[in-house]
Amino acid sequence: SQGWMEKFGKRHYIKMNRIHGEAGSTDIESLQIDKAAIKEKIEAYSACDIYNFDETVLFYAAPPRTTISCQKFSGWKENKKRLTVGLLCNADGTDKWSDILMIGHARRPNCFNKNNKKQEAVDHGFSMYHYNSNDWMTRSIFYVFLHRFDRSMKAQNCKVLLILNNFSGHIVDDAPINVELLFLPPNTTSHLQPLDGGIIWAFKAYFKRKQYAKAYQYIGMIQNDQQNKIGAIDKIFEIDQLWAMKWIREAWESVSAKTIENCWNATIFHFIEDKDSEGISKTIYWL
């Protein structure tokens, strides 16, 4: 038992909640949004044909910032190794693009090479890997990604809706044929975008689970006097970029269709739901 604090929390329905996304930064009720136009576009498609794409930065070798201990615990130098990860999924969770967009800082990091032979990301099964000095999305990278997605939809004879935030890197000159773009109004993506409504958080949680499992294994080796096999203790969270890319793919596979569906229902689908004359919400169902 945690004593009086646990009982106080239960009595007043207080529990710890992790803060994620950026919804706290804006008040959606105060924004002038053409809700009817957004609703009209969305209702023209089935849930399986409505997609959302967004990118996020992943510091793949960073140690945790908090811990549980009986005494003060000194931290380690912050590891700033990162990848930008672009995730794409549809509204019912039946289509998570496994060919994840990843952006690093180098074309061919040393970890890509094998048996003294220089290799590219595609040699390891990552055909949507790009690179630039900032590890960040650009219009040219997004253009390649969007038109690859468009060709895939054309091959399946599908017309789909792709929801995007209003980031300038998402603007392209040539409109895709089988993909209609819906840009969310400024300052609304934190409220309306499903990926920012919990999907990205779930993805990163699965990634962290793998990272902590590796660290726990290394701590066990240290306790068994095998530290010489892993090096300094501050390296227990260290992984190379290729290792991180493989974990990214596995973490994305772990995000369930139900999690994705719930996040869609809690964000943009909730925003456009109908209300009757008494102000009671009527949930819209997509077939």
Protein backbone atom coordinates (compact mmCIF):
# COMPACT_ATOMS: atom_id res chain seq x y z
CA SER A 1 0.00 0.00 0.00
CA GLN A 2 1.13 3.58 -0.70
CA GLY A 3 -0.61 4.88 2.43
CA TRP A 4 -2.80 7.97 2.62
CA MET A 5 -1.76 9.30 -0.81
CA GLU A 6 -3.04 6.21 -2.62
CA LYS A 7 -6.34 6.34 -0.69
CA PHE A 8 -6.69 10.07 -1.36
CA GLY A 9 -6.16 9.52 -5.07
CA LYS A 10 -8.74 6.73 -5.23
CA ARG A 11 -11.27 8.74 -3.26
CA HIS A 12 -10.99 11.74 -5.58
CA TYR A 13 -10.47 9.72 -8.81
CA ILE A 14 -6.97 11.10 -9.27
CA LYS A 15 -4.44 9.11 -11.24
CA MET A 16 -1.13 9.77 -12.94
CA ASN A 17 -1.39 10.53 -16.66
CA ARG A 18 1.51 10.89 -19.04
CA ILE A 19 1.40 14.08 -21.08
CA HIS A 20 1.83 13.57 -24.83
CA GLY A 21 1.05 15.50 -27.98
CA GLU A 22 0.65 19.27 -28.15
CA ALA A 23 -3.06 19.74 -27.60
CA GLY A 24 -2.50 21.79 -24.48
CA SER A 25 -0.93 24.56 -26.55
CA THR A 26 -4.15 25.65 -28.29
CA ASP A 27 -7.83 26.08 -27.54
CA ILE A 28 -9.68 24.60 -30.50
CA GLU A 29 -12.96 26.24 -29.53
CA SER A 30 -11.41 29.67 -30.07
CA LEU A 31 -10.24 28.91 -33.60
CA GLN A 32 -12.23 29.69 -36.72
CA ILE A 33 -12.48 26.31 -38.44
CA ASP A 34 -14.59 25.34 -41.44
CA LYS A 35 -15.89 22.19 -39.80
CA ALA A 36 -18.44 21.53 -42.53
CA ALA A 37 -15.78 21.46 -45.25
CA ILE A 38 -13.61 19.01 -43.29
CA LYS A 39 -16.60 16.81 -42.54
CA GLU A 40 -17.72 16.79 -46.16
CA LYS A 41 -14.36 15.57 -47.40
CA ILE A 42 -14.02 12.88 -44.75
CA GLU A 43 -17.53 11.51 -45.16
CA ALA A 44 -16.86 10.95 -48.87
CA TYR A 45 -14.49 8.08 -47.98
CA SER A 46 -14.67 4.83 -46.05
CA ALA A 47 -12.53 4.52 -42.93
CA CYS A 48 -10.13 2.15 -44.68
CA ASP A 49 -9.52 4.82 -47.34
CA ILE A 50 -8.72 7.70 -44.95
CA TYR A 51 -5.04 8.03 -44.04
CA ASN A 52 -2.92 10.22 -41.80
CA PHE A 53 0.80 10.88 -42.16
CA ASP A 54 3.08 12.66 -39.73
CA GLU A 55 6.72 12.69 -38.79
CA THR A 56 8.36 12.63 -35.37
CA VAL A 57 11.92 12.86 -34.07
CA LEU A 58 13.23 9.79 -32.24
CA PHE A 59 16.32 10.06 -30.03
CA TYR A 60 17.04 6.39 -30.32
CA ALA A 61 20.03 6.14 -27.97
CA ALA A 62 18.91 8.56 -25.26
CA PRO A 63 18.84 7.24 -21.66
CA PRO A 64 15.71 7.82 -19.55
CA ARG A 65 15.34 11.11 -17.73
CA THR A 66 13.64 9.61 -14.67
CA THR A 67 14.27 6.57 -12.52
CA ILE A 68 13.19 4.95 -9.25
CA SER A 69 15.81 4.76 -6.51
CA CYS A 70 16.32 5.13 -2.77
CA GLN A 71 18.93 7.83 -3.22
CA LYS A 72 20.02 10.50 -5.67
CA PHE A 73 21.17 9.11 -8.97
CA SER A 74 23.61 10.92 -11.24
CA GLY A 75 22.59 11.06 -14.88
CA TRP A 76 24.63 10.62 -18.03
CA LYS A 77 25.54 12.93 -20.84
CA GLU A 78 22.57 13.45 -23.13
CA ASN A 79 22.77 11.37 -26.30
CA LYS A 80 21.49 13.37 -29.28
CA LYS A 81 21.62 10.67 -31.95
CA ARG A 82 18.30 10.81 -33.76
CA LEU A 83 16.19 9.79 -36.70
CA THR A 84 13.12 11.44 -38.14
CA VAL A 85 10.41 8.83 -38.57
CA GLY A 86 7.40 9.25 -40.87
CA LEU A 87 4.39 7.09 -40.00
CA LEU A 88 1.35 6.41 -42.19
CA CYS A 89 -1.84 4.56 -41.24
CA ASN A 90 -5.51 4.45 -42.15
CA ALA A 91 -8.48 5.11 -39.88
CA ASP A 92 -9.47 1.52 -39.07
CA GLY A 93 -5.91 0.34 -38.49
CA THR A 94 -5.97 -2.22 -41.29
CA ASP A 95 -3.14 -0.55 -43.21
CA LYS A 96 0.03 0.55 -41.42
CA TRP A 97 2.69 1.22 -43.97
CA SER A 98 5.54 -1.13 -43.07
CA ASP A 99 7.95 0.66 -45.42
CA ILE A 100 8.50 3.42 -42.90
CA LEU A 101 10.01 6.72 -43.98
CA MET A 102 13.22 7.36 -42.03
CA ILE A 103 15.59 10.32 -42.32
CA GLY A 104 19.12 10.25 -40.96
CA HIS A 105 22.18 12.46 -41.24
CA ALA A 106 24.35 10.25 -43.46
CA ARG A 107 23.82 8.27 -46.63
CA ARG A 108 25.86 5.32 -45.48
CA PRO A 109 26.66 5.17 -41.73
CA ASN A 110 29.39 2.72 -40.75
CA CYS A 111 26.83 0.37 -39.23
CA PHE A 112 25.37 -0.23 -42.72
CA ASN A 113 28.62 -1.81 -43.94
CA LYS A 114 29.05 -5.56 -43.70
CA ASN A 115 32.13 -7.70 -44.18
CA ASN A 116 34.14 -4.62 -45.22
CA LYS A 117 31.65 -3.98 -48.00
CA LYS A 118 29.87 -0.65 -48.26
CA GLN A 119 26.10 -1.06 -48.20
CA GLU A 120 23.08 1.19 -48.52
CA ALA A 121 19.92 1.21 -46.40
CA VAL A 122 18.06 -0.65 -49.16
CA ASP A 123 20.51 -3.55 -48.77
CA HIS A 124 19.08 -3.97 -45.25
CA GLY A 125 15.45 -3.77 -46.37
CA PHE A 126 14.86 -0.03 -45.85
CA SER A 127 13.87 1.42 -49.21
CA MET A 128 12.43 4.66 -47.79
CA TYR A 129 15.57 5.88 -46.04
CA HIS A 130 16.69 9.44 -46.81
CA TYR A 131 19.36 11.67 -45.35
CA ASN A 132 20.32 15.32 -44.93
CA SER A 133 22.39 17.36 -42.51
CA ASN A 134 19.36 18.20 -40.32
CA ASP A 135 17.79 14.70 -40.19
CA TRP A 136 14.50 16.39 -41.07
CA MET A 137 11.69 16.36 -43.62
CA THR A 138 12.03 18.43 -46.77
CA ARG A 139 9.69 19.01 -49.70
CA SER A 140 11.80 16.85 -51.98
CA ILE A 141 11.74 13.90 -49.55
CA PHE A 142 8.00 14.23 -48.99
CA TYR A 143 7.45 14.43 -52.76
CA VAL A 144 9.18 11.07 -53.22
CA PHE A 145 7.19 9.51 -50.39
CA LEU A 146 3.82 10.92 -51.52
CA HIS A 147 4.17 9.79 -55.11
CA ARG A 148 5.26 6.33 -54.03
CA PHE A 149 2.13 6.13 -51.90
CA ASP A 150 0.10 7.41 -54.84
CA ARG A 151 1.50 4.73 -57.16
CA SER A 152 0.67 2.07 -54.59
CA MET A 153 -2.94 3.26 -54.37
CA LYS A 154 -3.20 3.41 -58.16
CA ALA A 155 -1.96 -0.18 -58.42
CA GLN A 156 -4.72 -1.23 -56.01
CA ASN A 157 -7.28 0.88 -57.90
CA CYS A 158 -7.99 2.88 -54.74
CA LYS A 159 -8.87 6.53 -54.26
CA VAL A 160 -7.91 7.68 -50.76
CA LEU A 161 -7.86 10.77 -48.56
CA LEU A 162 -4.57 11.74 -46.88
CA ILE A 163 -4.79 14.04 -43.85
CA LEU A 164 -1.73 16.21 -43.24
CA ASN A 165 -0.72 19.04 -40.95
CA ASN A 166 0.11 22.39 -42.52
CA PHE A 167 3.89 21.98 -42.28
CA SER A 168 5.53 23.70 -45.26
CA GLY A 169 7.49 20.55 -46.11
CA HIS A 170 4.23 18.81 -47.02
CA ILE A 171 3.43 21.21 -49.85
CA VAL A 172 4.04 19.74 -53.31
CA ASP A 173 3.65 21.28 -56.75
CA ASP A 174 2.33 18.19 -58.54
CA ALA A 175 -0.88 16.86 -57.03
CA PRO A 176 -1.12 13.07 -56.79
CA ILE A 177 -3.78 11.28 -58.86
CA ASN A 178 -5.20 8.69 -56.49
CA VAL A 179 -4.54 10.55 -53.23
CA GLU A 180 -6.58 13.58 -52.23
CA LEU A 181 -4.83 15.83 -49.72
CA LEU A 182 -6.61 17.38 -46.75
CA PHE A 183 -4.49 19.94 -44.88
CA LEU A 184 -5.62 20.62 -41.35
CA PRO A 185 -6.03 24.30 -40.38
CA PRO A 186 -3.14 25.99 -38.54
CA ASN A 187 -2.87 25.28 -34.80
CA THR A 188 -5.32 22.37 -34.94
CA THR A 189 -3.11 19.35 -35.62
CA SER A 190 -2.53 18.70 -31.92
CA HIS A 191 -6.30 18.30 -31.49
CA LEU A 192 -7.35 16.78 -34.81
CA GLN A 193 -4.46 14.67 -36.04
CA PRO A 194 -4.78 11.00 -34.99
CA LEU A 195 -1.04 10.29 -35.05
CA ASP A 196 -0.48 13.10 -32.57
CA GLY A 197 -3.44 11.89 -30.52
CA GLY A 198 -1.67 8.83 -29.13
CA ILE A 199 -0.46 6.68 -32.04
CA ILE A 200 3.05 8.14 -32.08
CA TRP A 201 3.19 7.92 -28.29
CA ALA A 202 2.30 4.20 -28.46
CA PHE A 203 4.95 3.63 -31.14
CA LYS A 204 7.63 5.31 -29.01
CA ALA A 205 6.54 3.35 -25.94
CA TYR A 206 7.13 0.07 -27.80
CA PHE A 207 10.52 1.35 -28.94
CA LYS A 208 11.46 2.29 -25.37
CA ARG A 209 10.39 -1.15 -24.20
CA LYS A 210 13.02 -2.70 -26.47
CA GLN A 211 15.62 -0.20 -25.33
CA TYR A 212 14.97 -0.89 -21.64
CA ALA A 213 14.98 -4.67 -22.20
CA LYS A 214 18.46 -4.38 -23.71
CA ALA A 215 19.65 -2.18 -20.83
CA TYR A 216 18.24 -4.65 -18.30
CA GLN A 217 20.13 -7.46 -20.01
CA TYR A 218 23.34 -5.44 -19.86
CA ILE A 219 22.83 -4.66 -16.17
CA GLY A 220 22.53 -8.39 -15.55
CA MET A 221 25.86 -8.91 -17.32
CA ILE A 222 27.45 -6.22 -15.13
CA GLN A 223 26.15 -7.94 -12.00
CA ASN A 224 27.72 -11.18 -13.24
CA ASP A 225 31.11 -9.49 -13.66
CA GLN A 226 30.86 -9.42 -17.45
CA GLN A 227 31.16 -5.65 -17.88
CA ASN A 228 34.21 -6.11 -20.09
CA LYS A 229 31.86 -7.45 -22.78
CA ILE A 230 29.71 -4.32 -22.94
CA GLY A 231 32.05 -1.47 -21.97
CA ALA A 232 31.22 1.55 -19.80
CA ILE A 233 27.94 1.51 -17.90
CA ASP A 234 26.82 4.76 -19.53
CA LYS A 235 26.71 2.87 -22.84
CA ILE A 236 23.94 0.45 -21.87
CA PHE A 237 21.40 2.47 -23.86
CA GLU A 238 23.73 2.95 -26.82
CA ILE A 239 22.69 1.39 -30.14
CA ASP A 240 23.76 2.07 -33.69
CA GLN A 241 21.48 3.52 -36.35
CA LEU A 242 20.81 0.22 -38.13
CA TRP A 243 19.80 -1.41 -34.85
CA ALA A 244 17.48 1.54 -34.19
CA MET A 245 15.91 1.27 -37.65
CA LYS A 246 15.12 -2.40 -37.08
CA TRP A 247 13.56 -1.58 -33.70
CA ILE A 248 11.52 1.21 -35.32
CA ARG A 249 10.01 -1.28 -37.74
CA GLU A 250 9.26 -3.78 -34.96
CA ALA A 251 7.78 -1.09 -32.68
CA TRP A 252 5.47 0.09 -35.47
CA GLU A 253 4.33 -3.48 -36.08
CA SER A 254 3.44 -3.73 -32.36
CA VAL A 255 0.97 -0.83 -32.46
CA SER A 256 -2.44 -2.49 -32.65
CA ALA A 257 -5.27 -1.68 -35.03
CA LYS A 258 -7.49 -1.02 -32.00
CA THR A 259 -5.09 1.64 -30.68
CA ILE A 260 -5.08 3.34 -34.07
CA GLU A 261 -8.87 3.20 -34.37
CA ASN A 262 -9.34 4.64 -30.87
CA CYS A 263 -7.01 7.55 -31.61
CA TRP A 264 -8.91 8.40 -34.79
CA ASN A 265 -12.21 8.32 -32.90
CA ALA A 266 -10.80 10.57 -30.16
CA THR A 267 -9.46 13.22 -32.55
CA ILE A 268 -10.78 14.18 -35.97
CA PHE A 269 -13.77 11.80 -36.00
CA HIS A 270 -14.83 13.18 -32.63
CA PHE A 271 -14.45 16.73 -33.92
CA ILE A 272 -16.80 16.22 -36.88
CA GLU A 273 -19.41 14.11 -35.08
CA ASP A 274 -22.99 15.34 -35.26
CA LYS A 275 -24.91 16.77 -32.33
CA ASP A 276 -28.67 16.76 -32.04
CA SER A 277 -30.80 19.72 -30.97
CA GLU A 278 -30.13 19.00 -27.29
CA GLY A 279 -26.39 19.03 -27.77
CA ILE A 280 -25.99 15.25 -27.45
CA SER A 281 -23.25 13.81 -29.62
CA LYS A 282 -24.16 11.34 -32.32
CA THR A 283 -21.26 9.13 -33.33
CA ILE A 284 -20.69 8.77 -37.06
CA TYR A 285 -19.86 5.29 -38.27
CA TRP A 286 -17.90 4.65 -41.45
CA LEU A 287 -18.65 1.44 -43.32
